[in-house]
Amino acid sequence: MFCHCQDQDKKRLHEASFITFIGALANGVLAVGKIGLGMWTQYLPMIASGYHSLSDIVSDTVTWFTLLLGSRKADQRFNFGYRRIETLMALF
């Protein structure tokens, strides 16, 4: 029986990376908009929400690095691959 495991893994990594990138881009736009609007109106909760959106970009970056690390193939150190790292980082 033929398995398309490598193709499925590449497709999964590409789709997950794309979704993570779109999320980070949206958070960046929201952060700039909220901070700018908050500065213009002098409304501190809006500015704080903008900085919270910036912290979400950090979360997106950690997710992206985890996806890249989790997509590595099995080697002598990790016989079943690195995908379990994704579960560990989800707890983080």
PDB file of N, CA and C in Angstrom:
ATOM      1  N   MET A   1       0.850  -1.186   0.000  1.00  0.00           N
ATOM      2  CA  MET A   1       0.000   0.000   0.000  1.00  0.00           C
ATOM      3  C   MET A   1       0.895   1.249   0.000  1.00  0.00           C
ATOM      4  N   PHE A   2       0.559   2.177  -0.843  1.00  0.00           N
ATOM      5  CA  PHE A   2       1.351   3.395  -0.986  1.00  0.00           C
ATOM      6  C   PHE A   2       0.836   4.474  -0.037  1.00  0.00           C
ATOM      7  N   CYS A   3       1.762   5.154   0.645  1.00  0.00           N
ATOM      8  CA  CYS A   3       1.385   6.186   1.624  1.00  0.00           C
ATOM      9  C   CYS A   3       1.907   7.546   1.152  1.00  0.00           C
ATOM     10  N   HIS A   4       1.071   8.540   1.226  1.00  0.00           N
ATOM     11  CA  HIS A   4       1.451   9.904   0.855  1.00  0.00           C
ATOM     12  C   HIS A   4       1.833  10.715   2.086  1.00  0.00           C
ATOM     13  N   CYS A   5       2.492  10.082   3.027  1.00  0.00           N
ATOM     14  CA  CYS A   5       2.776  10.737   4.306  1.00  0.00           C
ATOM     15  C   CYS A   5       3.621  11.988   4.134  1.00  0.00           C
ATOM     16  N   GLN A   6       4.669  11.917   3.303  1.00  0.00           N
ATOM     17  CA  GLN A   6       5.507  13.095   3.144  1.00  0.00           C
ATOM     18  C   GLN A   6       4.733  14.237   2.510  1.00  0.00           C
ATOM     19  N   ASP A   7       3.940  13.940   1.494  1.00  0.00           N
ATOM     20  CA  ASP A   7       3.155  14.982   0.840  1.00  0.00           C
ATOM     21  C   ASP A   7       2.133  15.576   1.804  1.00  0.00           C
ATOM     22  N   GLN A   8       1.516  14.722   2.621  1.00  0.00           N
ATOM     23  CA  GLN A   8       0.536  15.210   3.590  1.00  0.00           C
ATOM     24  C   GLN A   8       1.206  16.079   4.651  1.00  0.00           C
ATOM     25  N   ASP A   9       2.405  15.689   5.085  1.00  0.00           N
ATOM     26  CA  ASP A   9       3.124  16.489   6.079  1.00  0.00           C
ATOM     27  C   ASP A   9       3.517  17.851   5.518  1.00  0.00           C
ATOM     28  N   LYS A  10       3.973  17.871   4.273  1.00  0.00           N
ATOM     29  CA  LYS A  10       4.340  19.150   3.649  1.00  0.00           C
ATOM     30  C   LYS A  10       3.117  20.039   3.478  1.00  0.00           C
ATOM     31  N   LYS A  11       2.011  19.437   3.073  1.00  0.00           N
ATOM     32  CA  LYS A  11       0.775  20.204   2.898  1.00  0.00           C
ATOM     33  C   LYS A  11       0.296  20.747   4.240  1.00  0.00           C
ATOM     34  N   ARG A  12       0.356  19.913   5.282  1.00  0.00           N
ATOM     35  CA  ARG A  12      -0.054  20.331   6.619  1.00  0.00           C
ATOM     36  C   ARG A  12       0.808  21.480   7.124  1.00  0.00           C
ATOM     37  N   LEU A  13       2.136  21.382   6.928  1.00  0.00           N
ATOM     38  CA  LEU A  13       3.043  22.446   7.359  1.00  0.00           C
ATOM     39  C   LEU A  13       2.764  23.729   6.588  1.00  0.00           C
ATOM     40  N   HIS A  14       2.552  23.620   5.282  1.00  0.00           N
ATOM     41  CA  HIS A  14       2.285  24.808   4.465  1.00  0.00           C
ATOM     42  C   HIS A  14       0.982  25.487   4.898  1.00  0.00           C
ATOM     43  N   GLU A  15      -0.072  24.701   5.090  1.00  0.00           N
ATOM     44  CA  GLU A  15      -1.359  25.271   5.489  1.00  0.00           C
ATOM     45  C   GLU A  15      -1.285  25.897   6.878  1.00  0.00           C
ATOM     46  N   ALA A  16      -0.652  25.208   7.819  1.00  0.00           N
ATOM     47  CA  ALA A  16      -0.551  25.736   9.180  1.00  0.00           C
ATOM     48  C   ALA A  16       0.308  26.994   9.212  1.00  0.00           C
ATOM     49  N   SER A  17       1.393  27.015   8.454  1.00  0.00           N
ATOM     50  CA  SER A  17       2.246  28.208   8.398  1.00  0.00           C
ATOM     51  C   SER A  17       1.496  29.381   7.783  1.00  0.00           C
ATOM     52  N   PHE A  18       0.717  29.108   6.744  1.00  0.00           N
ATOM     53  CA  PHE A  18      -0.064  30.167   6.103  1.00  0.00           C
ATOM     54  C   PHE A  18      -1.095  30.749   7.072  1.00  0.00           C
ATOM     55  N   ILE A  19      -1.800  29.884   7.785  1.00  0.00           N
ATOM     56  CA  ILE A  19      -2.802  30.336   8.753  1.00  0.00           C
ATOM     57  C   ILE A  19      -2.145  31.149   9.869  1.00  0.00           C
ATOM     58  N   THR A  20      -0.992  30.680  10.339  1.00  0.00           N
ATOM     59  CA  THR A  20      -0.269  31.405  11.393  1.00  0.00           C
ATOM     60  C   THR A  20       0.188  32.766  10.892  1.00  0.00           C
ATOM     61  N   PHE A  21       0.666  32.828   9.639  1.00  0.00           N
ATOM     62  CA  PHE A  21       1.098  34.099   9.064  1.00  0.00           C
ATOM     63  C   PHE A  21      -0.073  35.072   8.939  1.00  0.00           C
ATOM     64  N   ILE A  22      -1.212  34.584   8.485  1.00  0.00           N
ATOM     65  CA  ILE A  22      -2.394  35.446   8.354  1.00  0.00           C
ATOM     66  C   ILE A  22      -2.817  35.965   9.726  1.00  0.00           C
ATOM     67  N   GLY A  23      -2.775  35.098  10.742  1.00  0.00           N
ATOM     68  CA  GLY A  23      -3.110  35.520  12.105  1.00  0.00           C
ATOM     69  C   GLY A  23      -2.166  36.585  12.615  1.00  0.00           C
ATOM     70  N   ALA A  24      -0.868  36.411  12.368  1.00  0.00           N
ATOM     71  CA  ALA A  24       0.115  37.402  12.804  1.00  0.00           C
ATOM     72  C   ALA A  24      -0.076  38.720  12.061  1.00  0.00           C
ATOM     73  N   LEU A  25      -0.376  38.630  10.782  1.00  0.00           N
ATOM     74  CA  LEU A  25      -0.620  39.843  10.002  1.00  0.00           C
ATOM     75  C   LEU A  25      -1.852  40.584  10.518  1.00  0.00           C
ATOM     76  N   ALA A  26      -2.916  39.840  10.800  1.00  0.00           N
ATOM     77  CA  ALA A  26      -4.133  40.458  11.341  1.00  0.00           C
ATOM     78  C   ALA A  26      -3.865  41.088  12.701  1.00  0.00           C
ATOM     79  N   ASN A  27      -3.108  40.409  13.551  1.00  0.00           N
ATOM     80  CA  ASN A  27      -2.774  40.971  14.856  1.00  0.00           C
ATOM     81  C   ASN A  27      -1.921  42.224  14.719  1.00  0.00           C
ATOM     82  N   GLY A  28      -1.027  42.246  13.731  1.00  0.00           N
ATOM     83  CA  GLY A  28      -0.214  43.440  13.504  1.00  0.00           C
ATOM     84  C   GLY A  28      -1.058  44.632  13.069  1.00  0.00           C
ATOM     85  N   VAL A  29      -1.982  44.378  12.153  1.00  0.00           N
ATOM     86  CA  VAL A  29      -2.870  45.454  11.696  1.00  0.00           C
ATOM     87  C   VAL A  29      -3.735  45.950  12.854  1.00  0.00           C
ATOM     88  N   LEU A  30      -4.279  45.016  13.629  1.00  0.00           N
ATOM     89  CA  LEU A  30      -5.096  45.405  14.784  1.00  0.00           C
ATOM     90  C   LEU A  30      -4.285  46.199  15.804  1.00  0.00           C
ATOM     91  N   ALA A  31      -3.049  45.758  16.050  1.00  0.00           N
ATOM     92  CA  ALA A  31      -2.213  46.448  17.037  1.00  0.00           C
ATOM     93  C   ALA A  31      -1.941  47.886  16.611  1.00  0.00           C
ATOM     94  N   VAL A  32      -1.550  48.054  15.353  1.00  0.00           N
ATOM     95  CA  VAL A  32      -1.261  49.404  14.866  1.00  0.00           C
ATOM     96  C   VAL A  32      -2.519  50.268  14.909  1.00  0.00           C
ATOM     97  N   GLY A  33      -3.639  49.703  14.477  1.00  0.00           N
ATOM     98  CA  GLY A  33      -4.889  50.462  14.486  1.00  0.00           C
ATOM     99  C   GLY A  33      -5.346  50.838  15.884  1.00  0.00           C
ATOM    100  N   LYS A  34      -5.286  49.885  16.804  1.00  0.00           N
ATOM    101  CA  LYS A  34      -5.729  50.165  18.172  1.00  0.00           C
ATOM    102  C   LYS A  34      -4.818  51.161  18.874  1.00  0.00           C
ATOM    103  N   ILE A  35      -3.523  50.982  18.716  1.00  0.00           N
ATOM    104  CA  ILE A  35      -2.598  51.918  19.369  1.00  0.00           C
ATOM    105  C   ILE A  35      -2.737  53.306  18.762  1.00  0.00           C
ATOM    106  N   GLY A  36      -2.832  53.369  17.429  1.00  0.00           N
ATOM    107  CA  GLY A  36      -2.996  54.672  16.770  1.00  0.00           C
ATOM    108  C   GLY A  36      -4.285  55.362  17.174  1.00  0.00           C
ATOM    109  N   LEU A  37      -5.392  54.628  17.169  1.00  0.00           N
ATOM    110  CA  LEU A  37      -6.678  55.205  17.557  1.00  0.00           C
ATOM    111  C   LEU A  37      -6.683  55.585  19.042  1.00  0.00           C
ATOM    112  N   GLY A  38      -6.059  54.738  19.858  1.00  0.00           N
ATOM    113  CA  GLY A  38      -5.978  55.045  21.287  1.00  0.00           C
ATOM    114  C   GLY A  38      -5.155  56.295  21.569  1.00  0.00           C
ATOM    115  N   MET A  39      -4.060  56.458  20.813  1.00  0.00           N
ATOM    116  CA  MET A  39      -3.240  57.671  20.983  1.00  0.00           C
ATOM    117  C   MET A  39      -4.003  58.915  20.514  1.00  0.00           C
ATOM    118  N   TRP A  40      -4.724  58.755  19.427  1.00  0.00           N
ATOM    119  CA  TRP A  40      -5.458  59.890  18.874  1.00  0.00           C
ATOM    120  C   TRP A  40      -6.590  60.322  19.805  1.00  0.00           C
ATOM    121  N   THR A  41      -7.284  59.343  20.416  1.00  0.00           N
ATOM    122  CA  THR A  41      -8.409  59.668  21.302  1.00  0.00           C
ATOM    123  C   THR A  41      -8.009  59.752  22.768  1.00  0.00           C
ATOM    124  N   GLN A  42      -6.741  59.438  23.074  1.00  0.00           N
ATOM    125  CA  GLN A  42      -6.252  59.431  24.459  1.00  0.00           C
ATOM    126  C   GLN A  42      -7.048  58.443  25.324  1.00  0.00           C
ATOM    127  N   TYR A  43      -7.455  57.321  24.741  1.00  0.00           N
ATOM    128  CA  TYR A  43      -8.235  56.313  25.443  1.00  0.00           C
ATOM    129  C   TYR A  43      -7.306  55.152  25.797  1.00  0.00           C
ATOM    130  N   LEU A  44      -6.903  55.092  27.062  1.00  0.00           N
ATOM    131  CA  LEU A  44      -5.898  54.136  27.509  1.00  0.00           C
ATOM    132  C   LEU A  44      -6.294  52.669  27.333  1.00  0.00           C
ATOM    133  N   PRO A  45      -7.561  52.282  27.563  1.00  0.00           N
ATOM    134  CA  PRO A  45      -7.894  50.869  27.318  1.00  0.00           C
ATOM    135  C   PRO A  45      -7.674  50.432  25.863  1.00  0.00           C
ATOM    136  N   MET A  46      -7.877  51.328  24.923  1.00  0.00           N
ATOM    137  CA  MET A  46      -7.638  51.000  23.517  1.00  0.00           C
ATOM    138  C   MET A  46      -6.146  50.785  23.269  1.00  0.00           C
ATOM    139  N   ILE A  47      -5.310  51.618  23.885  1.00  0.00           N
ATOM    140  CA  ILE A  47      -3.862  51.462  23.757  1.00  0.00           C
ATOM    141  C   ILE A  47      -3.423  50.132  24.378  1.00  0.00           C
ATOM    142  N   ALA A  48      -3.969  49.808  25.540  1.00  0.00           N
ATOM    143  CA  ALA A  48      -3.642  48.543  26.197  1.00  0.00           C
ATOM    144  C   ALA A  48      -4.064  47.356  25.340  1.00  0.00           C
ATOM    145  N   SER A  49      -5.211  47.457  24.700  1.00  0.00           N
ATOM    146  CA  SER A  49      -5.666  46.392  23.814  1.00  0.00           C
ATOM    147  C   SER A  49      -4.742  46.253  22.611  1.00  0.00           C
ATOM    148  N   GLY A  50      -4.203  47.359  22.140  1.00  0.00           N
ATOM    149  CA  GLY A  50      -3.237  47.320  21.045  1.00  0.00           C
ATOM    150  C   GLY A  50      -1.957  46.599  21.441  1.00  0.00           C
ATOM    151  N   TYR A  51      -1.485  46.855  22.652  1.00  0.00           N
ATOM    152  CA  TYR A  51      -0.293  46.150  23.128  1.00  0.00           C
ATOM    153  C   TYR A  51      -0.592  44.664  23.362  1.00  0.00           C
ATOM    154  N   HIS A  52      -1.814  44.342  23.735  1.00  0.00           N
ATOM    155  CA  HIS A  52      -2.200  42.946  23.869  1.00  0.00           C
ATOM    156  C   HIS A  52      -2.168  42.260  22.500  1.00  0.00           C
ATOM    157  N   SER A  53      -2.585  42.961  21.465  1.00  0.00           N
ATOM    158  CA  SER A  53      -2.497  42.405  20.114  1.00  0.00           C
ATOM    159  C   SER A  53      -1.043  42.182  19.699  1.00  0.00           C
ATOM    160  N   LEU A  54      -0.147  43.049  20.160  1.00  0.00           N
ATOM    161  CA  LEU A  54       1.279  42.843  19.894  1.00  0.00           C
ATOM    162  C   LEU A  54       1.781  41.578  20.583  1.00  0.00           C
ATOM    163  N   SER A  55       1.297  41.324  21.791  1.00  0.00           N
ATOM    164  CA  SER A  55       1.716  40.101  22.488  1.00  0.00           C
ATOM    165  C   SER A  55       1.185  38.863  21.777  1.00  0.00           C
ATOM    166  N   ASP A  56       0.063  38.981  21.089  1.00  0.00           N
ATOM    167  CA  ASP A  56      -0.448  37.863  20.297  1.00  0.00           C
ATOM    168  C   ASP A  56       0.480  37.535  19.126  1.00  0.00           C
ATOM    169  N   ILE A  57       1.195  38.533  18.624  1.00  0.00           N
ATOM    170  CA  ILE A  57       2.167  38.287  17.560  1.00  0.00           C
ATOM    171  C   ILE A  57       3.300  37.411  18.087  1.00  0.00           C
ATOM    172  N   VAL A  58       3.690  37.620  19.340  1.00  0.00           N
ATOM    173  CA  VAL A  58       4.712  36.759  19.954  1.00  0.00           C
ATOM    174  C   VAL A  58       4.207  35.323  20.002  1.00  0.00           C
ATOM    175  N   SER A  59       2.948  35.143  20.363  1.00  0.00           N
ATOM    176  CA  SER A  59       2.349  33.812  20.393  1.00  0.00           C
ATOM    177  C   SER A  59       2.342  33.188  19.001  1.00  0.00           C
ATOM    178  N   ASP A  60       2.028  33.967  17.986  1.00  0.00           N
ATOM    179  CA  ASP A  60       2.043  33.462  16.611  1.00  0.00           C
ATOM    180  C   ASP A  60       3.455  33.053  16.186  1.00  0.00           C
ATOM    181  N   THR A  61       4.454  33.811  16.623  1.00  0.00           N
ATOM    182  CA  THR A  61       5.840  33.487  16.293  1.00  0.00           C
ATOM    183  C   THR A  61       6.262  32.173  16.943  1.00  0.00           C
ATOM    184  N   VAL A  62       5.898  31.974  18.203  1.00  0.00           N
ATOM    185  CA  VAL A  62       6.200  30.714  18.887  1.00  0.00           C
ATOM    186  C   VAL A  62       5.507  29.557  18.173  1.00  0.00           C
ATOM    187  N   THR A  63       4.282  29.764  17.747  1.00  0.00           N
ATOM    188  CA  THR A  63       3.545  28.736  17.013  1.00  0.00           C
ATOM    189  C   THR A  63       4.251  28.385  15.714  1.00  0.00           C
ATOM    190  N   TRP A  64       4.728  29.374  14.994  1.00  0.00           N
ATOM    191  CA  TRP A  64       5.402  29.125  13.728  1.00  0.00           C
ATOM    192  C   TRP A  64       6.696  28.339  13.920  1.00  0.00           C
ATOM    193  N   PHE A  65       7.509  28.731  14.913  1.00  0.00           N
ATOM    194  CA  PHE A  65       8.738  27.988  15.192  1.00  0.00           C
ATOM    195  C   PHE A  65       8.432  26.558  15.630  1.00  0.00           C
ATOM    196  N   THR A  66       7.366  26.380  16.398  1.00  0.00           N
ATOM    197  CA  THR A  66       6.971  25.050  16.829  1.00  0.00           C
ATOM    198  C   THR A  66       6.558  24.194  15.633  1.00  0.00           C
ATOM    199  N   LEU A  67       5.843  24.780  14.691  1.00  0.00           N
ATOM    200  CA  LEU A  67       5.463  24.049  13.484  1.00  0.00           C
ATOM    201  C   LEU A  67       6.690  23.602  12.700  1.00  0.00           C
ATOM    202  N   LEU A  68       7.658  24.496  12.575  1.00  0.00           N
ATOM    203  CA  LEU A  68       8.870  24.140  11.841  1.00  0.00           C
ATOM    204  C   LEU A  68       9.642  23.030  12.549  1.00  0.00           C
ATOM    205  N   LEU A  69       9.764  23.136  13.848  1.00  0.00           N
ATOM    206  CA  LEU A  69      10.484  22.114  14.613  1.00  0.00           C
ATOM    207  C   LEU A  69       9.718  20.798  14.623  1.00  0.00           C
ATOM    208  N   GLY A  70       8.412  20.868  14.743  1.00  0.00           N
ATOM    209  CA  GLY A  70       7.587  19.662  14.787  1.00  0.00           C
ATOM    210  C   GLY A  70       7.520  18.929  13.465  1.00  0.00           C
ATOM    211  N   SER A  71       7.881  19.585  12.376  1.00  0.00           N
ATOM    212  CA  SER A  71       7.811  18.937  11.063  1.00  0.00           C
ATOM    213  C   SER A  71       9.084  18.152  10.731  1.00  0.00           C
ATOM    214  N   ARG A  72      10.073  18.214  11.612  1.00  0.00           N
ATOM    215  CA  ARG A  72      11.308  17.468  11.350  1.00  0.00           C
ATOM    216  C   ARG A  72      11.038  15.973  11.403  1.00  0.00           C
ATOM    217  N   LYS A  73      11.776  15.229  10.615  1.00  0.00           N
ATOM    218  CA  LYS A  73      11.612  13.780  10.538  1.00  0.00           C
ATOM    219  C   LYS A  73      12.307  13.095  11.715  1.00  0.00           C
ATOM    220  N   ALA A  74      11.973  11.850  11.897  1.00  0.00           N
ATOM    221  CA  ALA A  74      12.562  11.055  12.980  1.00  0.00           C
ATOM    222  C   ALA A  74      14.071  10.914  12.785  1.00  0.00           C
ATOM    223  N   ASP A  75      14.786  10.881  13.889  1.00  0.00           N
ATOM    224  CA  ASP A  75      16.218  10.637  13.859  1.00  0.00           C
ATOM    225  C   ASP A  75      16.565   9.731  15.045  1.00  0.00           C
ATOM    226  N   GLN A  76      17.831   9.598  15.353  1.00  0.00           N
ATOM    227  CA  GLN A  76      18.223   8.700  16.437  1.00  0.00           C
ATOM    228  C   GLN A  76      17.762   9.212  17.804  1.00  0.00           C
ATOM    229  N   ARG A  77      17.693  10.501  17.960  1.00  0.00           N
ATOM    230  CA  ARG A  77      17.291  11.067  19.252  1.00  0.00           C
ATOM    231  C   ARG A  77      15.791  10.927  19.485  1.00  0.00           C
ATOM    232  N   PHE A  78      15.002  11.217  18.474  1.00  0.00           N
ATOM    233  CA  PHE A  78      13.548  11.119  18.559  1.00  0.00           C
ATOM    234  C   PHE A  78      13.080  10.116  17.500  1.00  0.00           C
ATOM    235  N   ASN A  79      12.881   8.886  17.919  1.00  0.00           N
ATOM    236  CA  ASN A  79      12.567   7.807  16.984  1.00  0.00           C
ATOM    237  C   ASN A  79      11.252   8.004  16.244  1.00  0.00           C
ATOM    238  N   PHE A  80      10.310   8.695  16.842  1.00  0.00           N
ATOM    239  CA  PHE A  80       8.996   8.863  16.229  1.00  0.00           C
ATOM    240  C   PHE A  80       8.791  10.263  15.674  1.00  0.00           C
ATOM    241  N   GLY A  81       9.856  11.027  15.545  1.00  0.00           N
ATOM    242  CA  GLY A  81       9.746  12.371  15.007  1.00  0.00           C
ATOM    243  C   GLY A  81       9.594  13.416  16.099  1.00  0.00           C
ATOM    244  N   TYR A  82       9.366  14.626  15.684  1.00  0.00           N
ATOM    245  CA  TYR A  82       9.329  15.759  16.600  1.00  0.00           C
ATOM    246  C   TYR A  82       7.920  16.304  16.818  1.00  0.00           C
ATOM    247  N   ARG A  83       6.914  15.649  16.320  1.00  0.00           N
ATOM    248  CA  ARG A  83       5.568  16.195  16.372  1.00  0.00           C
ATOM    249  C   ARG A  83       5.049  16.381  17.805  1.00  0.00           C
ATOM    250  N   ARG A  84       5.530  15.596  18.750  1.00  0.00           N
ATOM    251  CA  ARG A  84       5.100  15.746  20.150  1.00  0.00           C
ATOM    252  C   ARG A  84       5.496  17.102  20.725  1.00  0.00           C
ATOM    253  N   ILE A  85       6.484  17.737  20.114  1.00  0.00           N
ATOM    254  CA  ILE A  85       6.892  19.065  20.572  1.00  0.00           C
ATOM    255  C   ILE A  85       5.743  20.052  20.396  1.00  0.00           C
ATOM    256  N   GLU A  86       4.917  19.843  19.381  1.00  0.00           N
ATOM    257  CA  GLU A  86       3.767  20.718  19.173  1.00  0.00           C
ATOM    258  C   GLU A  86       2.808  20.631  20.363  1.00  0.00           C
ATOM    259  N   THR A  87       2.616  19.436  20.880  1.00  0.00           N
ATOM    260  CA  THR A  87       1.739  19.261  22.046  1.00  0.00           C
ATOM    261  C   THR A  87       2.333  19.968  23.257  1.00  0.00           C
ATOM    262  N   LEU A  88       3.641  19.813  23.458  1.00  0.00           N
ATOM    263  CA  LEU A  88       4.302  20.457  24.590  1.00  0.00           C
ATOM    264  C   LEU A  88       4.215  21.975  24.492  1.00  0.00           C
ATOM    265  N   MET A  89       4.440  22.512  23.304  1.00  0.00           N
ATOM    266  CA  MET A  89       4.389  23.965  23.137  1.00  0.00           C
ATOM    267  C   MET A  89       2.972  24.511  23.224  1.00  0.00           C
ATOM    268  N   ALA A  90       1.983  23.680  22.944  1.00  0.00           N
ATOM    269  CA  ALA A  90       0.595  24.117  23.103  1.00  0.00           C
ATOM    270  C   ALA A  90       0.300  24.386  24.582  1.00  0.00           C
ATOM    271  N   LEU A  91       0.941  23.641  25.466  1.00  0.00           N
ATOM    272  CA  LEU A  91       0.779  23.907  26.895  1.00  0.00           C
ATOM    273  C   LEU A  91       1.421  25.231  27.295  1.00  0.00           C
ATOM    274  N   PHE A  92       2.494  25.596  26.596  1.00  0.00           N
ATOM    275  CA  PHE A  92       3.192  26.852  26.869  1.00  0.00           C
ATOM    276  C   PHE A  92       2.296  28.008  26.531  1.00  0.00           C
TER     277      PHE A  92
END
